[in-house]
Amino acid sequence: MTPDSHLLSHALQLVQQSLHDCLQDDPILLWQLDPVRNKLRFFSEPVFRTLGLNVPLLFQNGDYLDRTVLEEDREALRDALDKMKMQKHTGIFFRIRDEDGCPRWLIMLGMPAPETPFSYIGAIGRCTRMLRRVTGEHHGMPPESIDWLSSPAMLVSFSTWKIISANRSARDLCGQGENVPLEDVFAISEDLKAAIYEGLTFSRRWQGVLRVRKPGGSVLPCSVMMRPLSQDGQHCLWIRLTPLLAVDPTIPDVREETPLPDLSAASGERELLRLVLRNPQILPAAEGIILSRIFPDENRVSVTCEGTMFTNNMEHVDFPYIGSIAENIVRFSLDSLTVDETSRSIRPIDWALFIPQGVRSYYAEPWFGQNGIRLVLIFCSPRGGAFSDVRGASLHRLVDAFARRLNELDTHRTLRNIL
């Protein structure tokens, strides 16, 4: 056997083993594109669960592509997507950042479907392990990578539950550094710790709302995502935090310059929505507003619309939680969600609610209570791209005030019904 054949045999073994590893973790996703109807069809769940990657959004949402794909690979991926639309053969390796901010390699292949006019087929799969084997790259995470993230993140020892390292955002938020017990940062009961262990053991992740003890004794609710990680032979937890009632402390807070509307005058839910919508200082582009109350355990969201742009100002109309904006926000730990063109979306709620109501773009901001996501406030426009410049954390204060007043109204209504 020649040296070249030895090399080829070794390469084939690497590819075979890598495909085996890939199929164990996440299936390769197969898809079909109809360029005429602009219809994208996946033959399995189009989400890489261990990466937090929503594949359809790579095809249809430029903002999501910019947030997810490494800058040096974006243009090449856009060229590949353009070739798909023109029904040309294409193949590309590109990198994304997973939920922890670490780079991961993907491969995407596409070609016109044989003997099927106006149809295009393709596949997308993970290939980080294969490329690491070929290049000899180490499998660990660079210690300094935690500082690449602007959002709060920390690395914790799984055995001692003490902080190994924390980036600047996390230190500013929690006022804690290395070698501090996690119980000094979060208010965690034994029952909650058991639930976290269960999630990490069976789902390899835990996500929920925890109260962060800030310096001075105050408490701040945060959306927290935990994932197990092996680092230099040590079992660790990667923890990422998203403040729910305040912006990241490392970001200057400019919202104080915009006064909030007086919501105390509202005597009902619809009037509360009108007060927010009529304030031009909030989001001038908004011509409609939607309140979505969230009931995940019942698999439903209850929707109320307000605004002259809507063809139907529906009130307390139920839609499935699965496929909703709220589910998307929870699944991907989003602070907010912006859609620039609903007609290019494949999210079920966009076609069931927004497009029939004449909404072309929207901006959605969630509010979390002690038991998880409770409501989403959605600002709508009949024009595309109306909210593309909105900062992701700019409306937390408004939504918090809205949720507090809505809770007061709900309590008053409940008392009136009892009496």
Protein backbone atom coordinates (compact mmCIF):
# COMPACT_ATOMS: atom_id res chain seq x y z
CA MET A 1 0.00 0.00 0.00
CA THR A 2 1.42 3.39 -1.01
CA PRO A 3 1.72 6.32 1.42
CA ASP A 4 -1.08 8.08 -0.48
CA SER A 5 -3.37 5.08 -0.08
CA HIS A 6 -2.51 4.93 3.63
CA LEU A 7 -3.46 8.61 3.93
CA LEU A 8 -6.68 8.08 1.99
CA SER A 9 -7.61 5.07 4.12
CA HIS A 10 -6.97 7.07 7.30
CA ALA A 11 -9.02 10.01 5.99
CA LEU A 12 -11.92 7.69 5.15
CA GLN A 13 -11.77 6.23 8.65
CA LEU A 14 -11.88 9.74 10.10
CA VAL A 15 -14.88 10.66 7.96
CA GLN A 16 -16.66 7.42 8.86
CA GLN A 17 -16.05 7.87 12.58
CA SER A 18 -17.00 11.55 12.43
CA LEU A 19 -20.28 10.78 10.71
CA HIS A 20 -20.94 8.14 13.36
CA ASP A 21 -20.22 10.67 16.11
CA CYS A 22 -22.36 13.28 14.38
CA LEU A 23 -25.34 10.95 14.08
CA GLN A 24 -25.03 10.07 17.76
CA ASP A 25 -25.26 13.71 18.82
CA ASP A 26 -27.44 15.37 16.18
CA PRO A 27 -28.83 13.96 12.95
CA ILE A 28 -27.76 15.49 9.68
CA LEU A 29 -30.65 17.69 8.61
CA LEU A 30 -32.09 17.10 5.13
CA TRP A 31 -34.16 19.79 3.47
CA GLN A 32 -35.94 20.66 0.23
CA LEU A 33 -36.39 24.10 -1.28
CA ASP A 34 -39.06 25.12 -3.76
CA PRO A 35 -37.61 28.33 -5.31
CA VAL A 36 -40.87 29.11 -7.13
CA ARG A 37 -43.04 29.13 -4.02
CA ASN A 38 -40.12 30.11 -1.77
CA LYS A 39 -41.08 27.19 0.43
CA LEU A 40 -38.56 25.46 2.66
CA ARG A 41 -39.28 21.97 3.96
CA PHE A 42 -37.26 20.03 6.52
CA PHE A 43 -37.50 16.27 6.94
CA SER A 44 -36.75 16.40 10.68
CA GLU A 45 -36.83 18.91 13.53
CA PRO A 46 -34.73 21.79 12.11
CA VAL A 47 -32.88 22.57 15.34
CA PHE A 48 -29.47 21.34 16.49
CA ARG A 49 -30.42 20.84 20.14
CA THR A 50 -26.86 20.87 21.50
CA LEU A 51 -25.96 24.09 19.66
CA GLY A 52 -29.15 26.08 20.12
CA LEU A 53 -29.11 26.67 16.35
CA ASN A 54 -32.34 27.29 14.47
CA VAL A 55 -31.40 26.26 10.92
CA PRO A 56 -34.36 27.83 9.03
CA LEU A 57 -33.45 31.24 10.44
CA LEU A 58 -30.04 30.94 8.77
CA PHE A 59 -31.86 30.72 5.44
CA GLN A 60 -34.45 33.43 6.04
CA ASN A 61 -33.31 35.93 8.65
CA GLY A 62 -30.23 38.04 7.91
CA ASP A 63 -30.08 39.43 11.46
CA TYR A 64 -30.00 35.90 12.90
CA LEU A 65 -27.25 34.94 10.44
CA ASP A 66 -25.19 37.97 11.50
CA ARG A 67 -25.62 37.12 15.19
CA THR A 68 -24.82 33.42 14.79
CA VAL A 69 -22.19 33.00 12.05
CA LEU A 70 -18.59 34.12 12.58
CA GLU A 71 -17.89 37.37 10.76
CA GLU A 72 -15.20 35.94 8.49
CA ASP A 73 -17.61 33.23 7.21
CA ARG A 74 -20.75 35.32 6.65
CA GLU A 75 -20.14 36.46 3.08
CA ALA A 76 -19.21 32.94 1.95
CA LEU A 77 -22.40 31.58 3.51
CA ARG A 78 -24.50 34.32 1.88
CA ASP A 79 -22.95 33.43 -1.50
CA ALA A 80 -23.85 29.78 -0.92
CA LEU A 81 -27.44 30.74 -0.04
CA ASP A 82 -27.67 32.84 -3.22
CA LYS A 83 -26.50 29.82 -5.26
CA MET A 84 -29.25 27.77 -3.64
CA LYS A 85 -31.88 30.28 -4.75
CA MET A 86 -30.45 30.11 -8.30
CA GLN A 87 -30.50 26.29 -8.14
CA LYS A 88 -26.75 25.87 -8.49
CA HIS A 89 -24.57 23.25 -6.83
CA THR A 90 -23.00 24.52 -3.62
CA GLY A 91 -20.96 23.27 -0.69
CA ILE A 92 -19.47 25.17 2.21
CA PHE A 93 -17.81 24.76 5.60
CA PHE A 94 -18.67 27.59 7.99
CA ARG A 95 -18.53 28.39 11.69
CA ILE A 96 -21.18 29.47 14.17
CA ARG A 97 -21.01 30.37 17.83
CA ASP A 98 -23.03 28.00 19.99
CA GLU A 99 -25.07 29.06 23.03
CA ASP A 100 -21.87 29.25 25.08
CA GLY A 101 -20.10 31.48 22.53
CA CYS A 102 -17.73 28.73 21.37
CA PRO A 103 -17.07 28.31 17.60
CA ARG A 104 -18.50 25.18 15.96
CA TRP A 105 -18.04 23.95 12.39
CA LEU A 106 -20.94 23.05 10.10
CA ILE A 107 -21.02 21.71 6.55
CA MET A 108 -23.81 22.52 4.09
CA LEU A 109 -24.32 20.88 0.68
CA GLY A 110 -26.99 21.62 -1.93
CA MET A 111 -27.91 20.61 -5.46
CA PRO A 112 -30.86 20.67 -7.90
CA ALA A 113 -33.06 17.61 -7.30
CA PRO A 114 -32.45 15.03 -10.07
CA GLU A 115 -35.37 14.64 -12.44
CA THR A 116 -37.52 17.05 -10.41
CA PRO A 117 -37.88 20.50 -12.04
CA PHE A 118 -37.87 23.56 -9.76
CA SER A 119 -36.79 21.60 -6.71
CA TYR A 120 -33.57 21.86 -4.74
CA ILE A 121 -32.32 19.50 -2.04
CA GLY A 122 -29.61 19.81 0.54
CA ALA A 123 -28.15 18.74 3.86
CA ILE A 124 -26.52 20.50 6.78
CA GLY A 125 -24.57 18.80 9.54
CA ARG A 126 -22.00 19.28 12.27
CA CYS A 127 -18.37 18.53 11.49
CA THR A 128 -16.37 20.09 14.34
CA ARG A 129 -15.05 16.75 15.55
CA MET A 130 -13.93 15.73 12.08
CA LEU A 131 -12.05 18.96 11.47
CA ARG A 132 -10.47 18.84 14.92
CA ARG A 133 -9.17 15.35 14.21
CA VAL A 134 -7.79 16.39 10.83
CA THR A 135 -6.16 19.58 12.12
CA GLY A 136 -5.10 18.16 15.49
CA GLU A 137 -6.93 20.97 17.29
CA HIS A 138 -7.51 20.37 21.00
CA HIS A 139 -11.00 19.54 22.27
CA GLY A 140 -11.03 21.86 25.23
CA MET A 141 -12.24 25.42 25.45
CA PRO A 142 -9.62 28.18 25.49
CA PRO A 143 -9.57 29.59 29.04
CA GLU A 144 -9.75 33.15 27.74
CA SER A 145 -12.89 32.42 25.65
CA ILE A 146 -15.14 33.32 28.57
CA ASP A 147 -13.99 36.92 28.18
CA TRP A 148 -15.03 36.95 24.51
CA LEU A 149 -18.66 37.22 25.60
CA SER A 150 -20.19 40.57 26.46
CA SER A 151 -23.05 38.91 28.38
CA PRO A 152 -22.45 37.56 31.90
CA ALA A 153 -20.92 34.05 31.95
CA MET A 154 -18.99 31.91 34.40
CA LEU A 155 -17.28 28.54 34.69
CA VAL A 156 -18.09 26.53 37.85
CA SER A 157 -16.62 23.32 39.27
CA PHE A 158 -19.23 20.56 39.14
CA SER A 159 -17.88 18.83 42.26
CA THR A 160 -17.47 21.84 44.57
CA TRP A 161 -20.00 24.25 42.97
CA LYS A 162 -17.41 27.02 43.28
CA ILE A 163 -16.67 29.59 40.58
CA ILE A 164 -13.51 28.79 38.59
CA SER A 165 -13.64 31.89 36.41
CA ALA A 166 -16.12 34.65 35.52
CA ASN A 167 -16.01 37.30 32.84
CA ARG A 168 -16.19 40.98 33.61
CA SER A 169 -19.94 41.22 32.95
CA ALA A 170 -20.62 38.43 35.46
CA ARG A 171 -18.35 40.00 38.08
CA ASP A 172 -20.05 43.38 37.65
CA LEU A 173 -23.49 41.79 37.86
CA CYS A 174 -22.88 39.49 40.86
CA GLY A 175 -20.06 41.28 42.62
CA GLN A 176 -18.31 37.91 42.98
CA GLY A 177 -15.12 36.46 41.56
CA GLU A 178 -13.25 33.17 41.58
CA ASN A 179 -13.47 30.47 44.27
CA VAL A 180 -16.86 31.68 45.55
CA PRO A 181 -19.63 29.09 46.23
CA LEU A 182 -22.45 29.28 43.72
CA GLU A 183 -24.95 29.45 46.61
CA ASP A 184 -23.48 32.88 47.43
CA VAL A 185 -24.51 34.08 43.97
CA PHE A 186 -27.89 32.42 43.46
CA ALA A 187 -30.76 31.71 45.83
CA ILE A 188 -30.88 27.93 45.26
CA SER A 189 -32.92 25.59 47.44
CA GLU A 190 -32.10 21.89 47.78
CA ASP A 191 -35.18 20.98 45.70
CA LEU A 192 -34.09 23.36 42.95
CA LYS A 193 -30.54 21.98 43.05
CA ALA A 194 -31.97 18.47 42.60
CA ALA A 195 -33.97 19.67 39.58
CA ILE A 196 -30.82 21.24 38.12
CA TYR A 197 -28.88 17.98 38.57
CA GLU A 198 -31.72 16.10 36.87
CA GLY A 199 -31.71 18.45 33.89
CA LEU A 200 -27.94 18.29 33.53
CA THR A 201 -27.96 14.49 33.78
CA PHE A 202 -30.76 13.65 31.37
CA SER A 203 -30.89 16.68 29.05
CA ARG A 204 -27.28 17.90 29.36
CA ARG A 205 -28.61 21.37 30.14
CA TRP A 206 -30.78 23.26 32.61
CA GLN A 207 -32.54 26.52 31.95
CA GLY A 208 -34.73 28.57 34.23
CA VAL A 209 -35.06 31.74 36.27
CA LEU A 210 -32.86 32.26 39.35
CA ARG A 211 -32.51 35.21 41.69
CA VAL A 212 -29.01 36.71 41.71
CA ARG A 213 -27.86 38.22 44.99
CA LYS A 214 -26.33 41.57 44.07
CA PRO A 215 -23.90 43.59 46.21
CA GLY A 216 -25.81 45.63 48.78
CA GLY A 217 -28.45 42.96 49.37
CA SER A 218 -30.72 43.53 46.36
CA VAL A 219 -31.97 40.60 44.27
CA LEU A 220 -32.20 40.51 40.45
CA PRO A 221 -34.13 37.80 38.54
CA CYS A 222 -32.05 36.34 35.73
CA SER A 223 -32.64 33.78 33.02
CA VAL A 224 -29.91 31.19 33.63
CA MET A 225 -28.64 28.49 31.27
CA MET A 226 -26.31 25.76 32.58
CA ARG A 227 -24.47 23.16 30.54
CA PRO A 228 -21.88 20.53 31.54
CA LEU A 229 -18.41 21.00 30.10
CA SER A 230 -15.13 19.08 30.31
CA GLN A 231 -12.20 21.44 30.72
CA ASP A 232 -8.63 20.15 31.16
CA GLY A 233 -9.95 16.87 32.57
CA GLN A 234 -12.19 18.63 35.10
CA HIS A 235 -15.99 18.39 35.08
CA CYS A 236 -17.40 21.92 34.99
CA LEU A 237 -20.60 23.86 34.48
CA TRP A 238 -20.82 26.62 31.90
CA ILE A 239 -23.34 29.20 33.15
CA ARG A 240 -24.75 32.09 31.16
CA LEU A 241 -26.97 34.77 32.71
CA THR A 242 -29.46 37.20 31.17
CA PRO A 243 -30.87 39.89 33.52
CA LEU A 244 -34.65 40.06 33.12
CA LEU A 245 -35.52 43.36 34.78
CA ALA A 246 -32.46 45.46 33.90
CA VAL A 247 -29.96 45.79 31.12
CA ASP A 248 -26.47 44.33 31.27
CA PRO A 249 -24.55 46.53 33.77
CA THR A 250 -21.67 46.89 31.31
CA ILE A 251 -23.98 48.64 28.81
CA PRO A 252 -24.74 52.32 29.44
CA ASP A 253 -28.41 52.72 30.32
CA VAL A 254 -29.81 55.43 28.03
CA ARG A 255 -33.44 54.54 28.62
CA GLU A 256 -33.72 56.88 31.60
CA GLU A 257 -33.94 59.73 29.10
CA THR A 258 -37.26 58.36 27.79
CA PRO A 259 -40.05 58.84 30.35
CA LEU A 260 -42.49 55.98 30.66
CA PRO A 261 -46.21 56.56 30.13
CA ASP A 262 -48.39 56.70 33.26
CA LEU A 263 -49.95 53.26 33.21
CA SER A 264 -51.82 53.70 36.50
CA ALA A 265 -54.68 55.41 34.65
CA ALA A 266 -55.52 52.21 32.74
CA SER A 267 -58.64 50.48 34.04
CA GLY A 268 -58.38 47.41 31.82
CA GLU A 269 -56.11 45.32 29.64
CA ARG A 270 -57.04 46.93 26.32
CA GLU A 271 -56.74 50.45 27.72
CA LEU A 272 -53.30 49.53 29.06
CA LEU A 273 -52.25 48.51 25.55
CA ARG A 274 -53.59 51.79 24.11
CA LEU A 275 -51.55 53.86 26.59
CA VAL A 276 -48.35 52.15 25.49
CA LEU A 277 -49.16 52.34 21.77
CA ARG A 278 -50.12 56.02 21.85
CA ASN A 279 -46.80 57.10 23.38
CA PRO A 280 -44.63 58.07 20.36
CA GLN A 281 -41.46 58.06 22.48
CA ILE A 282 -41.63 54.29 22.99
CA LEU A 283 -41.47 52.87 19.45
CA PRO A 284 -42.59 55.44 16.86
CA ALA A 285 -42.72 52.79 14.10
CA ALA A 286 -45.33 50.71 15.95
CA GLU A 287 -48.86 50.92 14.54
CA GLY A 288 -50.22 48.01 16.51
CA ILE A 289 -49.49 46.16 19.75
CA ILE A 290 -50.19 42.60 20.81
CA LEU A 291 -50.24 41.16 24.32
CA SER A 292 -49.52 37.43 24.47
CA ARG A 293 -50.17 35.77 27.83
CA ILE A 294 -48.18 32.56 28.13
CA PHE A 295 -49.40 29.20 29.50
CA PRO A 296 -46.70 26.64 28.58
CA ASP A 297 -48.18 23.84 30.72
CA GLU A 298 -51.44 24.14 28.79
CA ASN A 299 -49.64 24.50 25.42
CA ARG A 300 -51.35 27.80 24.66
CA VAL A 301 -50.82 31.52 24.44
CA SER A 302 -53.72 33.96 24.82
CA VAL A 303 -53.54 36.91 22.41
CA THR A 304 -55.11 40.38 22.52
CA CYS A 305 -54.53 42.88 19.68
CA GLU A 306 -54.86 46.66 19.76
CA GLY A 307 -54.31 49.18 16.95
CA THR A 308 -55.90 50.58 13.82
CA MET A 309 -53.65 48.51 11.54
CA PHE A 310 -55.27 45.23 12.55
CA THR A 311 -58.03 43.74 10.46
CA ASN A 312 -59.38 42.08 13.61
CA ASN A 313 -58.77 43.43 17.12
CA MET A 314 -59.06 39.97 18.66
CA GLU A 315 -59.19 39.55 22.42
CA HIS A 316 -58.07 36.51 24.46
CA VAL A 317 -57.78 34.27 21.40
CA ASP A 318 -55.73 31.11 21.99
CA PHE A 319 -52.87 29.80 19.82
CA PRO A 320 -50.51 26.85 20.49
CA TYR A 321 -47.47 27.57 22.66
CA ILE A 322 -45.44 25.20 20.49
CA GLY A 323 -44.28 27.28 17.53
CA SER A 324 -44.98 30.58 19.30
CA ILE A 325 -42.70 33.57 19.86
CA ALA A 326 -42.56 32.72 23.56
CA GLU A 327 -41.32 29.20 22.88
CA ASN A 328 -38.64 30.58 20.56
CA ILE A 329 -37.51 33.10 23.20
CA VAL A 330 -37.30 30.45 25.92
CA ARG A 331 -35.63 27.82 23.73
CA PHE A 332 -32.84 30.13 22.58
CA SER A 333 -32.55 32.30 25.73
CA LEU A 334 -33.38 35.47 23.80
CA ASP A 335 -33.80 38.88 25.43
CA SER A 336 -36.08 39.92 22.58
CA LEU A 337 -37.04 38.91 19.06
CA THR A 338 -37.15 41.04 15.91
CA VAL A 339 -38.68 39.84 12.64
CA ASP A 340 -38.06 42.14 9.67
CA GLU A 341 -40.30 40.34 7.15
CA THR A 342 -42.99 37.90 8.25
CA SER A 343 -43.57 36.64 4.71
CA ARG A 344 -40.10 35.06 4.78
CA SER A 345 -40.70 33.37 8.11
CA ILE A 346 -41.57 29.72 8.65
CA ARG A 347 -42.58 30.20 12.31
CA PRO A 348 -46.15 28.84 12.63
CA ILE A 349 -47.46 31.78 14.67
CA ASP A 350 -46.35 34.23 11.97
CA TRP A 351 -48.59 32.54 9.41
CA ALA A 352 -51.43 31.89 11.85
CA LEU A 353 -51.56 35.37 13.43
CA PHE A 354 -49.28 38.07 12.08
CA ILE A 355 -49.57 37.69 8.31
CA PRO A 356 -53.42 37.46 8.36
CA GLN A 357 -53.44 40.60 10.54
CA GLY A 358 -51.34 42.54 8.02
CA VAL A 359 -48.16 42.56 10.13
CA ARG A 360 -44.96 42.59 8.07
CA SER A 361 -42.46 43.25 10.87
CA TYR A 362 -42.53 43.14 14.65
CA TYR A 363 -40.46 43.48 17.79
CA ALA A 364 -41.23 41.20 20.77
CA GLU A 365 -40.11 41.69 24.37
CA PRO A 366 -40.78 39.01 27.05
CA TRP A 367 -41.47 39.31 30.76
CA PHE A 368 -40.56 36.55 33.21
CA GLY A 369 -42.16 35.87 36.58
CA GLN A 370 -40.96 33.52 39.30
CA ASN A 371 -42.27 30.49 37.39
CA GLY A 372 -40.84 31.38 33.98
CA ILE A 373 -42.12 33.36 31.03
CA ARG A 374 -45.47 35.01 31.69
CA LEU A 375 -46.13 37.39 28.82
CA VAL A 376 -44.72 38.80 25.59
CA LEU A 377 -45.42 42.35 24.43
CA ILE A 378 -45.21 42.63 20.64
CA PHE A 379 -44.94 45.90 18.69
CA CYS A 380 -46.17 45.58 15.09
CA SER A 381 -45.91 47.43 11.79
CA PRO A 382 -47.46 46.94 8.31
CA ARG A 383 -44.04 47.83 6.86
CA GLY A 384 -41.05 45.54 6.56
CA GLY A 385 -37.91 46.23 8.62
CA ALA A 386 -39.61 48.79 10.87
CA PHE A 387 -37.75 47.65 14.00
CA SER A 388 -34.36 46.64 12.61
CA ASP A 389 -32.54 49.33 14.63
CA VAL A 390 -34.17 48.61 17.99
CA ARG A 391 -31.71 47.60 20.72
CA GLY A 392 -32.48 44.23 22.28
CA ALA A 393 -32.60 45.49 25.87
CA SER A 394 -34.12 48.91 25.33
CA LEU A 395 -37.68 48.14 26.49
CA HIS A 396 -37.14 46.07 29.65
CA ARG A 397 -38.23 48.92 31.92
CA LEU A 398 -41.46 49.51 30.00
CA VAL A 399 -42.40 45.85 29.86
CA ASP A 400 -41.69 45.48 33.59
CA ALA A 401 -43.99 48.42 34.37
CA PHE A 402 -46.62 47.03 31.99
CA ALA A 403 -46.49 43.59 33.65
CA ARG A 404 -46.80 45.07 37.17
CA ARG A 405 -49.86 47.13 36.20
CA LEU A 406 -51.40 44.16 34.37
CA ASN A 407 -50.93 42.00 37.49
CA GLU A 408 -52.68 44.68 39.56
CA LEU A 409 -55.61 44.75 37.14
CA ASP A 410 -55.83 40.95 37.16
CA THR A 411 -55.83 40.92 40.98
CA HIS A 412 -58.58 43.56 41.16
CA ARG A 413 -60.70 41.64 38.67
CA THR A 414 -60.26 38.39 40.61
CA LEU A 415 -61.31 40.10 43.87
CA ARG A 416 -64.39 41.61 42.22
CA ASN A 417 -65.41 38.18 40.94
CA ILE A 418 -65.01 36.67 44.42
CA LEU A 419 -66.98 39.45 46.12
